[in-house]
Amino acid sequence: MEGRKIVWDQDKAAENLKKHHVSFDTAALVFLDPSRIERRDDSENNTSAEDRWQTLGVVGKVFFVVYTECVNEAETRIITARAASKAEKRSYYGNDERNIKGWTKAD
């Protein structure tokens, strides 16, 4: 992630803040967490043709962020962000082997 610019759609950011009470400014700080983990977004929510990633990182508390990497622009675009669920927190802290499936240490 180092050297990549973090970007987002302003309308989507406002919608996310209203729905999840998480600003994309805060979500962008997740990428600074040296213990951050991530996995490819193969969820049914990913209906886009683009490669999307899910990441878990701490900014005071654990957050779940979905993003994509814009290769040509060397940018990371945040798609959505929210507080992590209990299961996601267990995965982040490595306390639940069942839930860590697919998560790997981020670069």
Protein backbone atom coordinates (compact mmCIF):
# COMPACT_ATOMS: atom_id res chain seq x y z
CA MET A 1 0.00 0.00 0.00
CA GLU A 2 2.92 2.31 0.53
CA GLY A 3 3.00 5.07 -2.05
CA ARG A 4 -0.57 4.51 -3.19
CA LYS A 5 -3.08 7.32 -3.01
CA ILE A 6 -6.32 6.50 -1.15
CA VAL A 7 -9.40 7.86 -2.97
CA TRP A 8 -13.18 7.52 -2.86
CA ASP A 9 -16.40 8.81 -4.33
CA GLN A 10 -17.70 11.70 -2.20
CA ASP A 11 -21.37 10.69 -2.59
CA LYS A 12 -20.57 7.11 -1.59
CA ALA A 13 -18.58 8.41 1.41
CA ALA A 14 -21.55 10.48 2.60
CA GLU A 15 -23.88 7.49 2.16
CA ASN A 16 -21.45 5.25 4.07
CA LEU A 17 -21.17 7.73 6.95
CA LYS A 18 -24.95 7.89 7.24
CA LYS A 19 -25.42 4.09 7.02
CA HIS A 20 -22.39 2.78 8.94
CA HIS A 21 -21.25 5.84 10.94
CA VAL A 22 -17.71 5.46 9.56
CA SER A 23 -16.03 8.17 7.52
CA PHE A 24 -13.78 7.21 4.65
CA ASP A 25 -11.13 9.51 6.18
CA THR A 26 -11.08 7.14 9.17
CA ALA A 27 -11.28 4.06 6.95
CA ALA A 28 -8.20 5.21 5.02
CA LEU A 29 -6.16 4.97 8.22
CA VAL A 30 -6.77 1.20 8.31
CA PHE A 31 -4.13 0.88 5.57
CA LEU A 32 -1.50 2.16 8.03
CA ASP A 33 -2.09 -0.72 10.46
CA PRO A 34 1.00 -2.99 10.31
CA SER A 35 -1.12 -5.93 11.53
CA ARG A 36 -3.79 -5.47 8.86
CA ILE A 37 -5.14 -8.64 7.20
CA GLU A 38 -6.97 -8.97 3.90
CA ARG A 39 -8.62 -11.37 1.48
CA ARG A 40 -10.19 -11.27 -1.97
CA ASP A 41 -13.85 -10.23 -1.87
CA ASP A 42 -15.62 -13.30 -3.19
CA SER A 43 -18.84 -12.43 -1.36
CA GLU A 44 -22.23 -12.30 -3.04
CA ASN A 45 -22.15 -8.52 -2.41
CA ASN A 46 -19.39 -8.15 -5.00
CA THR A 47 -21.44 -7.91 -8.18
CA SER A 48 -18.80 -5.80 -9.91
CA ALA A 49 -16.42 -7.09 -12.57
CA GLU A 50 -13.50 -5.42 -10.77
CA ASP A 51 -11.25 -7.20 -8.27
CA ARG A 52 -12.26 -6.17 -4.78
CA TRP A 53 -10.54 -6.83 -1.48
CA GLN A 54 -11.73 -6.96 2.12
CA THR A 55 -9.38 -5.78 4.84
CA LEU A 56 -9.46 -5.68 8.63
CA GLY A 57 -7.38 -3.15 10.52
CA VAL A 58 -7.35 -1.10 13.68
CA VAL A 59 -7.94 2.63 13.99
CA GLY A 60 -8.87 2.74 17.67
CA LYS A 61 -11.10 -0.29 17.01
CA VAL A 62 -11.25 -2.94 14.28
CA PHE A 63 -12.78 -1.82 10.98
CA PHE A 64 -13.85 -3.81 7.92
CA VAL A 65 -13.07 -2.02 4.64
CA VAL A 66 -13.76 -3.09 1.06
CA TYR A 67 -11.53 -1.57 -1.60
CA THR A 68 -10.18 -1.98 -5.09
CA GLU A 69 -6.80 -1.12 -6.55
CA CYS A 70 -6.81 1.11 -9.61
CA VAL A 71 -3.65 -0.14 -11.31
CA ASN A 72 -3.19 2.59 -13.92
CA GLU A 73 -3.64 5.43 -11.46
CA ALA A 74 -1.70 3.76 -8.60
CA GLU A 75 -4.71 4.46 -6.39
CA THR A 76 -6.64 2.48 -3.81
CA ARG A 77 -10.37 3.27 -3.93
CA ILE A 78 -12.46 2.67 -0.82
CA ILE A 79 -15.87 1.17 -1.61
CA THR A 80 -17.37 0.72 1.86
CA ALA A 81 -16.32 0.70 5.52
CA ARG A 82 -17.91 -0.31 8.79
CA ALA A 83 -17.07 -1.50 12.28
CA ALA A 84 -15.95 -5.14 12.22
CA SER A 85 -18.34 -7.85 13.38
CA LYS A 86 -17.50 -10.07 16.36
CA ALA A 87 -16.39 -12.88 14.03
CA GLU A 88 -14.21 -10.46 12.03
CA LYS A 89 -12.62 -9.18 15.24
CA ARG A 90 -11.80 -12.76 16.24
CA SER A 91 -10.19 -13.28 12.84
CA TYR A 92 -8.17 -10.08 13.17
CA TYR A 93 -6.87 -11.01 16.61
CA GLY A 94 -6.30 -14.66 15.55
CA ASN A 95 -8.63 -16.01 18.24
CA ASP A 96 -10.82 -18.13 16.01
CA GLU A 97 -9.22 -20.51 13.52
CA ARG A 98 -12.59 -21.17 11.87
CA ASN A 99 -13.00 -17.53 10.94
CA ILE A 100 -9.45 -16.79 9.78
CA LYS A 101 -10.00 -18.79 6.58
CA GLY A 102 -8.90 -16.77 3.60
CA TRP A 103 -7.38 -13.91 5.60
CA THR A 104 -3.69 -13.22 5.06
CA LYS A 105 -1.28 -10.61 6.35
CA ALA A 106 -1.45 -7.53 4.13
CA ASP A 107 1.67 -6.15 2.44
